[in-house]
Amino acid sequence: MRAWARANSAMKRGGAACHGDLLHGRAADLGSSQRRSALRHTAWLALAHARAGDPDASAEAARAALTRLPQIASRECRDLLCAVAAELETNAPRPGSAAHAVLADLRRTLR
């Protein structure tokens, strides 16, 4: 089973907010040595916030993940960002919100 699938399963069982706390430190690491890992942690943070019902925090984390994407050629990272987009879509962000704007950027970037 893929690592992100295991984490996704754990997040569903343990609560998104708790896992968001665990992911925040690694997601905030802007160092260039572990870009792929930082992107994955940031995307997981966005997913955790979206599942916890906090679209604004999710949008902020998703935006950070998107800024890291051009440097990463990982299908797994793209799939994870697609999951973030799908989760944001289920909450139907209101037009003009940060979540709505980042959702449009995710759709455009991940085509």
PDB file of N, CA and C in Angstrom:
ATOM      1  N   MET A   1       0.851  -1.172   0.000  1.00  0.00           N
ATOM      2  CA  MET A   1       0.000   0.000   0.000  1.00  0.00           C
ATOM      3  C   MET A   1       0.899   1.238   0.000  1.00  0.00           C
ATOM      4  N   ARG A   2       0.551   2.215  -0.786  1.00  0.00           N
ATOM      5  CA  ARG A   2       1.322   3.451  -0.837  1.00  0.00           C
ATOM      6  C   ARG A   2       1.301   4.158   0.508  1.00  0.00           C
ATOM      7  N   ALA A   3       2.386   4.888   0.762  1.00  0.00           N
ATOM      8  CA  ALA A   3       2.491   5.612   2.036  1.00  0.00           C
ATOM      9  C   ALA A   3       1.342   6.600   2.198  1.00  0.00           C
ATOM     10  N   TRP A   4       0.980   7.313   1.119  1.00  0.00           N
ATOM     11  CA  TRP A   4      -0.081   8.312   1.262  1.00  0.00           C
ATOM     12  C   TRP A   4      -1.431   7.647   1.483  1.00  0.00           C
ATOM     13  N   ALA A   5      -1.617   6.445   0.955  1.00  0.00           N
ATOM     14  CA  ALA A   5      -2.873   5.739   1.184  1.00  0.00           C
ATOM     15  C   ALA A   5      -2.982   5.316   2.651  1.00  0.00           C
ATOM     16  N   ARG A   6      -1.852   4.874   3.231  1.00  0.00           N
ATOM     17  CA  ARG A   6      -1.857   4.519   4.652  1.00  0.00           C
ATOM     18  C   ARG A   6      -2.151   5.746   5.504  1.00  0.00           C
ATOM     19  N   ALA A   7      -1.515   6.857   5.169  1.00  0.00           N
ATOM     20  CA  ALA A   7      -1.739   8.086   5.939  1.00  0.00           C
ATOM     21  C   ALA A   7      -3.185   8.552   5.785  1.00  0.00           C
ATOM     22  N   ASN A   8      -3.728   8.435   4.585  1.00  0.00           N
ATOM     23  CA  ASN A   8      -5.113   8.814   4.347  1.00  0.00           C
ATOM     24  C   ASN A   8      -6.049   7.969   5.197  1.00  0.00           C
ATOM     25  N   SER A   9      -5.793   6.684   5.238  1.00  0.00           N
ATOM     26  CA  SER A   9      -6.612   5.787   6.057  1.00  0.00           C
ATOM     27  C   SER A   9      -6.507   6.159   7.533  1.00  0.00           C
ATOM     28  N   ALA A  10      -5.292   6.454   7.999  1.00  0.00           N
ATOM     29  CA  ALA A  10      -5.098   6.845   9.394  1.00  0.00           C
ATOM     30  C   ALA A  10      -5.796   8.162   9.690  1.00  0.00           C
ATOM     31  N   MET A  11      -5.757   9.093   8.725  1.00  0.00           N
ATOM     32  CA  MET A  11      -6.389  10.387   8.927  1.00  0.00           C
ATOM     33  C   MET A  11      -7.895  10.217   9.086  1.00  0.00           C
ATOM     34  N   LYS A  12      -8.481   9.340   8.299  1.00  0.00           N
ATOM     35  CA  LYS A  12      -9.923   9.113   8.391  1.00  0.00           C
ATOM     36  C   LYS A  12     -10.288   8.511   9.748  1.00  0.00           C
ATOM     37  N   ARG A  13      -9.428   7.631  10.257  1.00  0.00           N
ATOM     38  CA  ARG A  13      -9.705   6.993  11.541  1.00  0.00           C
ATOM     39  C   ARG A  13      -9.448   7.927  12.715  1.00  0.00           C
ATOM     40  N   GLY A  14      -8.384   8.737  12.641  1.00  0.00           N
ATOM     41  CA  GLY A  14      -7.935   9.485  13.804  1.00  0.00           C
ATOM     42  C   GLY A  14      -8.384  10.922  13.874  1.00  0.00           C
ATOM     43  N   GLY A  15      -8.966  11.447  12.864  1.00  0.00           N
ATOM     44  CA  GLY A  15      -9.415  12.834  12.892  1.00  0.00           C
ATOM     45  C   GLY A  15      -8.433  13.743  12.182  1.00  0.00           C
ATOM     46  N   ALA A  16      -8.933  14.527  11.258  1.00  0.00           N
ATOM     47  CA  ALA A  16      -8.087  15.377  10.425  1.00  0.00           C
ATOM     48  C   ALA A  16      -7.375  16.452  11.222  1.00  0.00           C
ATOM     49  N   ALA A  17      -8.027  17.029  12.209  1.00  0.00           N
ATOM     50  CA  ALA A  17      -7.403  18.118  12.956  1.00  0.00           C
ATOM     51  C   ALA A  17      -6.162  17.647  13.691  1.00  0.00           C
ATOM     52  N   CYS A  18      -6.215  16.490  14.292  1.00  0.00           N
ATOM     53  CA  CYS A  18      -5.060  15.936  15.004  1.00  0.00           C
ATOM     54  C   CYS A  18      -3.896  15.733  14.042  1.00  0.00           C
ATOM     55  N   HIS A  19      -4.160  15.160  12.904  1.00  0.00           N
ATOM     56  CA  HIS A  19      -3.100  14.920  11.930  1.00  0.00           C
ATOM     57  C   HIS A  19      -2.592  16.218  11.341  1.00  0.00           C
ATOM     58  N   GLY A  20      -3.443  17.210  11.241  1.00  0.00           N
ATOM     59  CA  GLY A  20      -2.997  18.520  10.771  1.00  0.00           C
ATOM     60  C   GLY A  20      -1.944  19.099  11.691  1.00  0.00           C
ATOM     61  N   ASP A  21      -2.135  18.919  13.002  1.00  0.00           N
ATOM     62  CA  ASP A  21      -1.136  19.388  13.967  1.00  0.00           C
ATOM     63  C   ASP A  21       0.190  18.691  13.750  1.00  0.00           C
ATOM     64  N   LEU A  22       0.162  17.400  13.483  1.00  0.00           N
ATOM     65  CA  LEU A  22       1.377  16.633  13.281  1.00  0.00           C
ATOM     66  C   LEU A  22       2.104  17.036  11.996  1.00  0.00           C
ATOM     67  N   LEU A  23       1.373  17.433  10.988  1.00  0.00           N
ATOM     68  CA  LEU A  23       1.955  17.759   9.696  1.00  0.00           C
ATOM     69  C   LEU A  23       2.492  19.176   9.608  1.00  0.00           C
ATOM     70  N   HIS A  24       2.001  20.050  10.455  1.00  0.00           N
ATOM     71  CA  HIS A  24       2.290  21.472  10.306  1.00  0.00           C
ATOM     72  C   HIS A  24       3.779  21.805  10.314  1.00  0.00           C
ATOM     73  N   GLY A  25       4.542  21.230  11.232  1.00  0.00           N
ATOM     74  CA  GLY A  25       5.965  21.554  11.320  1.00  0.00           C
ATOM     75  C   GLY A  25       6.728  21.223  10.051  1.00  0.00           C
ATOM     76  N   ARG A  26       6.511  20.036   9.514  1.00  0.00           N
ATOM     77  CA  ARG A  26       7.211  19.624   8.298  1.00  0.00           C
ATOM     78  C   ARG A  26       6.721  20.418   7.096  1.00  0.00           C
ATOM     79  N   ALA A  27       5.452  20.725   7.066  1.00  0.00           N
ATOM     80  CA  ALA A  27       4.897  21.483   5.948  1.00  0.00           C
ATOM     81  C   ALA A  27       5.451  22.901   5.916  1.00  0.00           C
ATOM     82  N   ALA A  28       5.755  23.449   7.081  1.00  0.00           N
ATOM     83  CA  ALA A  28       6.263  24.820   7.150  1.00  0.00           C
ATOM     84  C   ALA A  28       7.738  24.919   6.785  1.00  0.00           C
ATOM     85  N   ASP A  29       8.428  23.776   6.673  1.00  0.00           N
ATOM     86  CA  ASP A  29       9.854  23.768   6.335  1.00  0.00           C
ATOM     87  C   ASP A  29      10.023  24.158   4.868  1.00  0.00           C
ATOM     88  N   LEU A  30      10.558  25.312   4.640  1.00  0.00           N
ATOM     89  CA  LEU A  30      10.711  25.808   3.274  1.00  0.00           C
ATOM     90  C   LEU A  30      12.095  25.520   2.702  1.00  0.00           C
ATOM     91  N   GLY A  31      12.888  24.719   3.401  1.00  0.00           N
ATOM     92  CA  GLY A  31      14.228  24.378   2.934  1.00  0.00           C
ATOM     93  C   GLY A  31      14.180  23.653   1.599  1.00  0.00           C
ATOM     94  N   SER A  32      15.230  23.796   0.828  1.00  0.00           N
ATOM     95  CA  SER A  32      15.229  23.230  -0.511  1.00  0.00           C
ATOM     96  C   SER A  32      15.739  21.796  -0.562  1.00  0.00           C
ATOM     97  N   SER A  33      16.285  21.271   0.537  1.00  0.00           N
ATOM     98  CA  SER A  33      16.888  19.945   0.490  1.00  0.00           C
ATOM     99  C   SER A  33      15.848  18.822   0.417  1.00  0.00           C
ATOM    100  N   GLN A  34      14.670  19.038   0.928  1.00  0.00           N
ATOM    101  CA  GLN A  34      13.631  18.008   0.964  1.00  0.00           C
ATOM    102  C   GLN A  34      12.349  18.522   0.325  1.00  0.00           C
ATOM    103  N   ARG A  35      12.450  19.031  -0.896  1.00  0.00           N
ATOM    104  CA  ARG A  35      11.296  19.671  -1.538  1.00  0.00           C
ATOM    105  C   ARG A  35      10.103  18.743  -1.720  1.00  0.00           C
ATOM    106  N   ARG A  36      10.355  17.522  -2.175  1.00  0.00           N
ATOM    107  CA  ARG A  36       9.252  16.597  -2.424  1.00  0.00           C
ATOM    108  C   ARG A  36       8.536  16.259  -1.116  1.00  0.00           C
ATOM    109  N   SER A  37       9.301  16.006  -0.084  1.00  0.00           N
ATOM    110  CA  SER A  37       8.713  15.707   1.216  1.00  0.00           C
ATOM    111  C   SER A  37       7.922  16.898   1.744  1.00  0.00           C
ATOM    112  N   ALA A  38       8.466  18.089   1.597  1.00  0.00           N
ATOM    113  CA  ALA A  38       7.760  19.289   2.052  1.00  0.00           C
ATOM    114  C   ALA A  38       6.462  19.479   1.273  1.00  0.00           C
ATOM    115  N   LEU A  39       6.489  19.225  -0.026  1.00  0.00           N
ATOM    116  CA  LEU A  39       5.267  19.345  -0.829  1.00  0.00           C
ATOM    117  C   LEU A  39       4.227  18.339  -0.335  1.00  0.00           C
ATOM    118  N   ARG A  40       4.644  17.095  -0.111  1.00  0.00           N
ATOM    119  CA  ARG A  40       3.696  16.080   0.344  1.00  0.00           C
ATOM    120  C   ARG A  40       3.110  16.446   1.703  1.00  0.00           C
ATOM    121  N   HIS A  41       3.931  16.883   2.625  1.00  0.00           N
ATOM    122  CA  HIS A  41       3.424  17.256   3.943  1.00  0.00           C
ATOM    123  C   HIS A  41       2.479  18.455   3.861  1.00  0.00           C
ATOM    124  N   THR A  42       2.800  19.398   3.014  1.00  0.00           N
ATOM    125  CA  THR A  42       1.941  20.571   2.850  1.00  0.00           C
ATOM    126  C   THR A  42       0.602  20.174   2.227  1.00  0.00           C
ATOM    127  N   ALA A  43       0.641  19.281   1.248  1.00  0.00           N
ATOM    128  CA  ALA A  43      -0.601  18.807   0.629  1.00  0.00           C
ATOM    129  C   ALA A  43      -1.435  18.017   1.640  1.00  0.00           C
ATOM    130  N   TRP A  44      -0.783  17.196   2.475  1.00  0.00           N
ATOM    131  CA  TRP A  44      -1.518  16.468   3.507  1.00  0.00           C
ATOM    132  C   TRP A  44      -2.133  17.427   4.514  1.00  0.00           C
ATOM    133  N   LEU A  45      -1.413  18.491   4.828  1.00  0.00           N
ATOM    134  CA  LEU A  45      -1.959  19.502   5.732  1.00  0.00           C
ATOM    135  C   LEU A  45      -3.199  20.147   5.113  1.00  0.00           C
ATOM    136  N   ALA A  46      -3.136  20.457   3.828  1.00  0.00           N
ATOM    137  CA  ALA A  46      -4.294  21.026   3.133  1.00  0.00           C
ATOM    138  C   ALA A  46      -5.470  20.060   3.172  1.00  0.00           C
ATOM    139  N   LEU A  47      -5.191  18.784   2.962  1.00  0.00           N
ATOM    140  CA  LEU A  47      -6.244  17.778   2.990  1.00  0.00           C
ATOM    141  C   LEU A  47      -6.835  17.645   4.397  1.00  0.00           C
ATOM    142  N   ALA A  48      -5.994  17.673   5.407  1.00  0.00           N
ATOM    143  CA  ALA A  48      -6.467  17.582   6.794  1.00  0.00           C
ATOM    144  C   ALA A  48      -7.379  18.756   7.143  1.00  0.00           C
ATOM    145  N   HIS A  49      -6.976  19.960   6.746  1.00  0.00           N
ATOM    146  CA  HIS A  49      -7.802  21.129   7.023  1.00  0.00           C
ATOM    147  C   HIS A  49      -9.129  21.066   6.269  1.00  0.00           C
ATOM    148  N   ALA A  50      -9.082  20.611   5.025  1.00  0.00           N
ATOM    149  CA  ALA A  50     -10.324  20.509   4.244  1.00  0.00           C
ATOM    150  C   ALA A  50     -11.278  19.514   4.895  1.00  0.00           C
ATOM    151  N   ARG A  51     -10.749  18.386   5.339  1.00  0.00           N
ATOM    152  CA  ARG A  51     -11.595  17.366   5.971  1.00  0.00           C
ATOM    153  C   ARG A  51     -12.087  17.800   7.342  1.00  0.00           C
ATOM    154  N   ALA A  52     -11.357  18.704   7.973  1.00  0.00           N
ATOM    155  CA  ALA A  52     -11.782  19.217   9.279  1.00  0.00           C
ATOM    156  C   ALA A  52     -12.775  20.364   9.132  1.00  0.00           C
ATOM    157  N   GLY A  53     -13.082  20.748   7.897  1.00  0.00           N
ATOM    158  CA  GLY A  53     -14.062  21.808   7.661  1.00  0.00           C
ATOM    159  C   GLY A  53     -13.486  23.202   7.743  1.00  0.00           C
ATOM    160  N   ASP A  54     -12.192  23.359   7.490  1.00  0.00           N
ATOM    161  CA  ASP A  54     -11.538  24.673   7.515  1.00  0.00           C
ATOM    162  C   ASP A  54     -10.975  24.982   6.127  1.00  0.00           C
ATOM    163  N   PRO A  55     -11.842  25.422   5.201  1.00  0.00           N
ATOM    164  CA  PRO A  55     -11.395  25.638   3.824  1.00  0.00           C
ATOM    165  C   PRO A  55     -10.360  26.751   3.684  1.00  0.00           C
ATOM    166  N   ASP A  56     -10.392  27.749   4.550  1.00  0.00           N
ATOM    167  CA  ASP A  56      -9.402  28.829   4.447  1.00  0.00           C
ATOM    168  C   ASP A  56      -8.001  28.330   4.779  1.00  0.00           C
ATOM    169  N   ALA A  57      -7.871  27.554   5.849  1.00  0.00           N
ATOM    170  CA  ALA A  57      -6.563  26.982   6.199  1.00  0.00           C
ATOM    171  C   ALA A  57      -6.122  25.980   5.139  1.00  0.00           C
ATOM    172  N   SER A  58      -7.079  25.238   4.597  1.00  0.00           N
ATOM    173  CA  SER A  58      -6.770  24.296   3.528  1.00  0.00           C
ATOM    174  C   SER A  58      -6.239  25.032   2.304  1.00  0.00           C
ATOM    175  N   ALA A  59      -6.878  26.141   1.967  1.00  0.00           N
ATOM    176  CA  ALA A  59      -6.453  26.928   0.811  1.00  0.00           C
ATOM    177  C   ALA A  59      -5.036  27.466   0.998  1.00  0.00           C
ATOM    178  N   GLU A  60      -4.728  27.911   2.203  1.00  0.00           N
ATOM    179  CA  GLU A  60      -3.386  28.436   2.485  1.00  0.00           C
ATOM    180  C   GLU A  60      -2.323  27.347   2.294  1.00  0.00           C
ATOM    181  N   ALA A  61      -2.589  26.158   2.822  1.00  0.00           N
ATOM    182  CA  ALA A  61      -1.637  25.057   2.679  1.00  0.00           C
ATOM    183  C   ALA A  61      -1.554  24.582   1.229  1.00  0.00           C
ATOM    184  N   ALA A  62      -2.700  24.510   0.549  1.00  0.00           N
ATOM    185  CA  ALA A  62      -2.708  24.088  -0.857  1.00  0.00           C
ATOM    186  C   ALA A  62      -1.933  25.070  -1.722  1.00  0.00           C
ATOM    187  N   ARG A  63      -2.046  26.346  -1.418  1.00  0.00           N
ATOM    188  CA  ARG A  63      -1.296  27.365  -2.166  1.00  0.00           C
ATOM    189  C   ARG A  63       0.216  27.144  -1.988  1.00  0.00           C
ATOM    190  N   ALA A  64       0.627  26.853  -0.756  1.00  0.00           N
ATOM    191  CA  ALA A  64       2.050  26.588  -0.497  1.00  0.00           C
ATOM    192  C   ALA A  64       2.508  25.342  -1.257  1.00  0.00           C
ATOM    193  N   ALA A  65       1.667  24.314  -1.292  1.00  0.00           N
ATOM    194  CA  ALA A  65       2.017  23.100  -2.023  1.00  0.00           C
ATOM    195  C   ALA A  65       2.143  23.385  -3.515  1.00  0.00           C
ATOM    196  N   LEU A  66       1.238  24.193  -4.045  1.00  0.00           N
ATOM    197  CA  LEU A  66       1.297  24.536  -5.469  1.00  0.00           C
ATOM    198  C   LEU A  66       2.578  25.278  -5.833  1.00  0.00           C
ATOM    199  N   THR A  67       3.073  26.108  -4.931  1.00  0.00           N
ATOM    200  CA  THR A  67       4.310  26.840  -5.239  1.00  0.00           C
ATOM    201  C   THR A  67       5.505  25.895  -5.312  1.00  0.00           C
ATOM    202  N   ARG A  68       5.406  24.750  -4.662  1.00  0.00           N
ATOM    203  CA  ARG A  68       6.506  23.769  -4.680  1.00  0.00           C
ATOM    204  C   ARG A  68       6.407  22.813  -5.865  1.00  0.00           C
ATOM    205  N   LEU A  69       5.238  22.688  -6.467  1.00  0.00           N
ATOM    206  CA  LEU A  69       5.003  21.693  -7.510  1.00  0.00           C
ATOM    207  C   LEU A  69       5.892  21.833  -8.738  1.00  0.00           C
ATOM    208  N   PRO A  70       6.179  23.013  -9.253  1.00  0.00           N
ATOM    209  CA  PRO A  70       6.998  23.096 -10.476  1.00  0.00           C
ATOM    210  C   PRO A  70       8.382  22.456 -10.346  1.00  0.00           C
ATOM    211  N   GLN A  71       8.865  22.310  -9.146  1.00  0.00           N
ATOM    212  CA  GLN A  71      10.196  21.736  -8.929  1.00  0.00           C
ATOM    213  C   GLN A  71      10.145  20.227  -8.732  1.00  0.00           C
ATOM    214  N   ILE A  72       8.959  19.641  -8.705  1.00  0.00           N
ATOM    215  CA  ILE A  72       8.783  18.229  -8.377  1.00  0.00           C
ATOM    216  C   ILE A  72       8.151  17.505  -9.563  1.00  0.00           C
ATOM    217  N   ALA A  73       8.720  16.367  -9.931  1.00  0.00           N
ATOM    218  CA  ALA A  73       8.174  15.556 -11.028  1.00  0.00           C
ATOM    219  C   ALA A  73       7.679  14.230 -10.463  1.00  0.00           C
ATOM    220  N   SER A  74       6.741  14.294  -9.531  1.00  0.00           N
ATOM    221  CA  SER A  74       6.242  13.097  -8.861  1.00  0.00           C
ATOM    222  C   SER A  74       4.762  12.931  -9.145  1.00  0.00           C
ATOM    223  N   ARG A  75       4.408  11.790  -9.714  1.00  0.00           N
ATOM    224  CA  ARG A  75       2.998  11.505  -9.983  1.00  0.00           C
ATOM    225  C   ARG A  75       2.223  11.403  -8.663  1.00  0.00           C
ATOM    226  N   GLU A  76       2.873  10.853  -7.641  1.00  0.00           N
ATOM    227  CA  GLU A  76       2.226  10.717  -6.338  1.00  0.00           C
ATOM    228  C   GLU A  76       1.854  12.090  -5.764  1.00  0.00           C
ATOM    229  N   CYS A  77       2.739  13.065  -5.926  1.00  0.00           N
ATOM    230  CA  CYS A  77       2.450  14.415  -5.432  1.00  0.00           C
ATOM    231  C   CYS A  77       1.288  15.039  -6.201  1.00  0.00           C
ATOM    232  N   ARG A  78       1.271  14.831  -7.508  1.00  0.00           N
ATOM    233  CA  ARG A  78       0.167  15.356  -8.317  1.00  0.00           C
ATOM    234  C   ARG A  78      -1.154  14.695  -7.907  1.00  0.00           C
ATOM    235  N   ASP A  79      -1.120  13.382  -7.671  1.00  0.00           N
ATOM    236  CA  ASP A  79      -2.324  12.661  -7.231  1.00  0.00           C
ATOM    237  C   ASP A  79      -2.817  13.189  -5.887  1.00  0.00           C
ATOM    238  N   LEU A  80      -1.884  13.480  -5.004  1.00  0.00           N
ATOM    239  CA  LEU A  80      -2.256  14.002  -3.691  1.00  0.00           C
ATOM    240  C   LEU A  80      -2.901  15.380  -3.821  1.00  0.00           C
ATOM    241  N   LEU A  81      -2.364  16.214  -4.705  1.00  0.00           N
ATOM    242  CA  LEU A  81      -2.978  17.529  -4.922  1.00  0.00           C
ATOM    243  C   LEU A  81      -4.354  17.396  -5.589  1.00  0.00           C
ATOM    244  N   CYS A  82      -4.524  16.374  -6.419  1.00  0.00           N
ATOM    245  CA  CYS A  82      -5.853  16.101  -6.986  1.00  0.00           C
ATOM    246  C   CYS A  82      -6.842  15.738  -5.883  1.00  0.00           C
ATOM    247  N   ALA A  83      -6.372  14.995  -4.889  1.00  0.00           N
ATOM    248  CA  ALA A  83      -7.231  14.641  -3.746  1.00  0.00           C
ATOM    249  C   ALA A  83      -7.609  15.895  -2.955  1.00  0.00           C
ATOM    250  N   VAL A  84      -6.672  16.825  -2.825  1.00  0.00           N
ATOM    251  CA  VAL A  84      -6.963  18.096  -2.149  1.00  0.00           C
ATOM    252  C   VAL A  84      -8.043  18.851  -2.920  1.00  0.00           C
ATOM    253  N   ALA A  85      -7.884  18.915  -4.238  1.00  0.00           N
ATOM    254  CA  ALA A  85      -8.876  19.606  -5.070  1.00  0.00           C
ATOM    255  C   ALA A  85     -10.248  18.957  -4.932  1.00  0.00           C
ATOM    256  N   ALA A  86     -10.286  17.635  -4.955  1.00  0.00           N
ATOM    257  CA  ALA A  86     -11.565  16.925  -4.833  1.00  0.00           C
ATOM    258  C   ALA A  86     -12.217  17.198  -3.478  1.00  0.00           C
ATOM    259  N   GLU A  87     -11.406  17.226  -2.436  1.00  0.00           N
ATOM    260  CA  GLU A  87     -11.947  17.493  -1.096  1.00  0.00           C
ATOM    261  C   GLU A  87     -12.474  18.925  -1.001  1.00  0.00           C
ATOM    262  N   LEU A  88     -11.741  19.866  -1.570  1.00  0.00           N
ATOM    263  CA  LEU A  88     -12.213  21.257  -1.569  1.00  0.00           C
ATOM    264  C   LEU A  88     -13.507  21.390  -2.373  1.00  0.00           C
ATOM    265  N   GLU A  89     -13.603  20.662  -3.479  1.00  0.00           N
ATOM    266  CA  GLU A  89     -14.815  20.722  -4.301  1.00  0.00           C
ATOM    267  C   GLU A  89     -16.045  20.236  -3.550  1.00  0.00           C
ATOM    268  N   THR A  90     -15.876  19.236  -2.697  1.00  0.00           N
ATOM    269  CA  THR A  90     -17.033  18.699  -1.971  1.00  0.00           C
ATOM    270  C   THR A  90     -17.618  19.723  -1.013  1.00  0.00           C
ATOM    271  N   ASN A  91     -16.812  20.664  -0.579  1.00  0.00           N
ATOM    272  CA  ASN A  91     -17.300  21.710   0.324  1.00  0.00           C
ATOM    273  C   ASN A  91     -17.828  22.925  -0.416  1.00  0.00           C
ATOM    274  N   ALA A  92     -17.767  22.898  -1.740  1.00  0.00           N
ATOM    275  CA  ALA A  92     -18.287  23.970  -2.594  1.00  0.00           C
ATOM    276  C   ALA A  92     -17.939  25.360  -2.057  1.00  0.00           C
ATOM    277  N   PRO A  93     -16.663  25.743  -2.157  1.00  0.00           N
ATOM    278  CA  PRO A  93     -16.277  27.053  -1.625  1.00  0.00           C
ATOM    279  C   PRO A  93     -17.013  28.183  -2.326  1.00  0.00           C
ATOM    280  N   ARG A  94     -17.350  29.193  -1.552  1.00  0.00           N
ATOM    281  CA  ARG A  94     -18.097  30.322  -2.111  1.00  0.00           C
ATOM    282  C   ARG A  94     -17.196  31.137  -3.056  1.00  0.00           C
ATOM    283  N   PRO A  95     -17.763  31.638  -4.134  1.00  0.00           N
ATOM    284  CA  PRO A  95     -16.981  32.460  -5.067  1.00  0.00           C
ATOM    285  C   PRO A  95     -16.353  33.650  -4.346  1.00  0.00           C
ATOM    286  N   GLY A  96     -15.112  33.922  -4.693  1.00  0.00           N
ATOM    287  CA  GLY A  96     -14.394  35.029  -4.074  1.00  0.00           C
ATOM    288  C   GLY A  96     -13.596  34.633  -2.847  1.00  0.00           C
ATOM    289  N   SER A  97     -13.809  33.417  -2.343  1.00  0.00           N
ATOM    290  CA  SER A  97     -13.076  32.973  -1.162  1.00  0.00           C
ATOM    291  C   SER A  97     -11.689  32.477  -1.572  1.00  0.00           C
ATOM    292  N   ALA A  98     -10.803  32.371  -0.580  1.00  0.00           N
ATOM    293  CA  ALA A  98      -9.453  31.862  -0.835  1.00  0.00           C
ATOM    294  C   ALA A  98      -9.515  30.420  -1.336  1.00  0.00           C
ATOM    295  N   ALA A  99     -10.431  29.635  -0.776  1.00  0.00           N
ATOM    296  CA  ALA A  99     -10.575  28.240  -1.194  1.00  0.00           C
ATOM    297  C   ALA A  99     -11.035  28.150  -2.647  1.00  0.00           C
ATOM    298  N   HIS A 100     -11.921  29.032  -3.053  1.00  0.00           N
ATOM    299  CA  HIS A 100     -12.399  29.035  -4.433  1.00  0.00           C
ATOM    300  C   HIS A 100     -11.260  29.378  -5.386  1.00  0.00           C
ATOM    301  N   ALA A 101     -10.453  30.360  -5.027  1.00  0.00           N
ATOM    302  CA  ALA A 101      -9.336  30.775  -5.880  1.00  0.00           C
ATOM    303  C   ALA A 101      -8.291  29.671  -5.998  1.00  0.00           C
ATOM    304  N   VAL A 102      -7.938  29.046  -4.881  1.00  0.00           N
ATOM    305  CA  VAL A 102      -6.924  27.990  -4.947  1.00  0.00           C
ATOM    306  C   VAL A 102      -7.467  26.763  -5.670  1.00  0.00           C
ATOM    307  N   LEU A 103      -8.748  26.490  -5.550  1.00  0.00           N
ATOM    308  CA  LEU A 103      -9.342  25.378  -6.282  1.00  0.00           C
ATOM    309  C   LEU A 103      -9.220  25.604  -7.788  1.00  0.00           C
ATOM    310  N   ALA A 104      -9.478  26.816  -8.231  1.00  0.00           N
ATOM    311  CA  ALA A 104      -9.312  27.137  -9.655  1.00  0.00           C
ATOM    312  C   ALA A 104      -7.853  26.958 -10.091  1.00  0.00           C
ATOM    313  N   ASP A 105      -6.919  27.375  -9.249  1.00  0.00           N
ATOM    314  CA  ASP A 105      -5.500  27.210  -9.567  1.00  0.00           C
ATOM    315  C   ASP A 105      -5.100  25.737  -9.591  1.00  0.00           C
ATOM    316  N   LEU A 106      -5.631  24.959  -8.660  1.00  0.00           N
ATOM    317  CA  LEU A 106      -5.352  23.523  -8.652  1.00  0.00           C
ATOM    318  C   LEU A 106      -5.860  22.874  -9.935  1.00  0.00           C
ATOM    319  N   ARG A 107      -7.083  23.190 -10.309  1.00  0.00           N
ATOM    320  CA  ARG A 107      -7.658  22.617 -11.544  1.00  0.00           C
ATOM    321  C   ARG A 107      -6.801  22.978 -12.763  1.00  0.00           C
ATOM    322  N   ARG A 108      -6.410  24.233 -12.851  1.00  0.00           N
ATOM    323  CA  ARG A 108      -5.621  24.707 -13.988  1.00  0.00           C
ATOM    324  C   ARG A 108      -4.237  24.028 -14.016  1.00  0.00           C
ATOM    325  N   THR A 109      -3.609  23.925 -12.889  1.00  0.00           N
ATOM    326  CA  THR A 109      -2.263  23.361 -12.815  1.00  0.00           C
ATOM    327  C   THR A 109      -2.232  21.859 -13.022  1.00  0.00           C
ATOM    328  N   LEU A 110      -3.254  21.173 -12.553  1.00  0.00           N
ATOM    329  CA  LEU A 110      -3.241  19.707 -12.571  1.00  0.00           C
ATOM    330  C   LEU A 110      -3.888  19.087 -13.805  1.00  0.00           C
ATOM    331  N   ARG A 111      -4.273  19.875 -14.761  1.00  0.00           N
ATOM    332  CA  ARG A 111      -4.885  19.330 -15.978  1.00  0.00           C
ATOM    333  C   ARG A 111      -4.024  18.298 -16.622  1.00  0.00           C
TER     334      ARG A 111
END
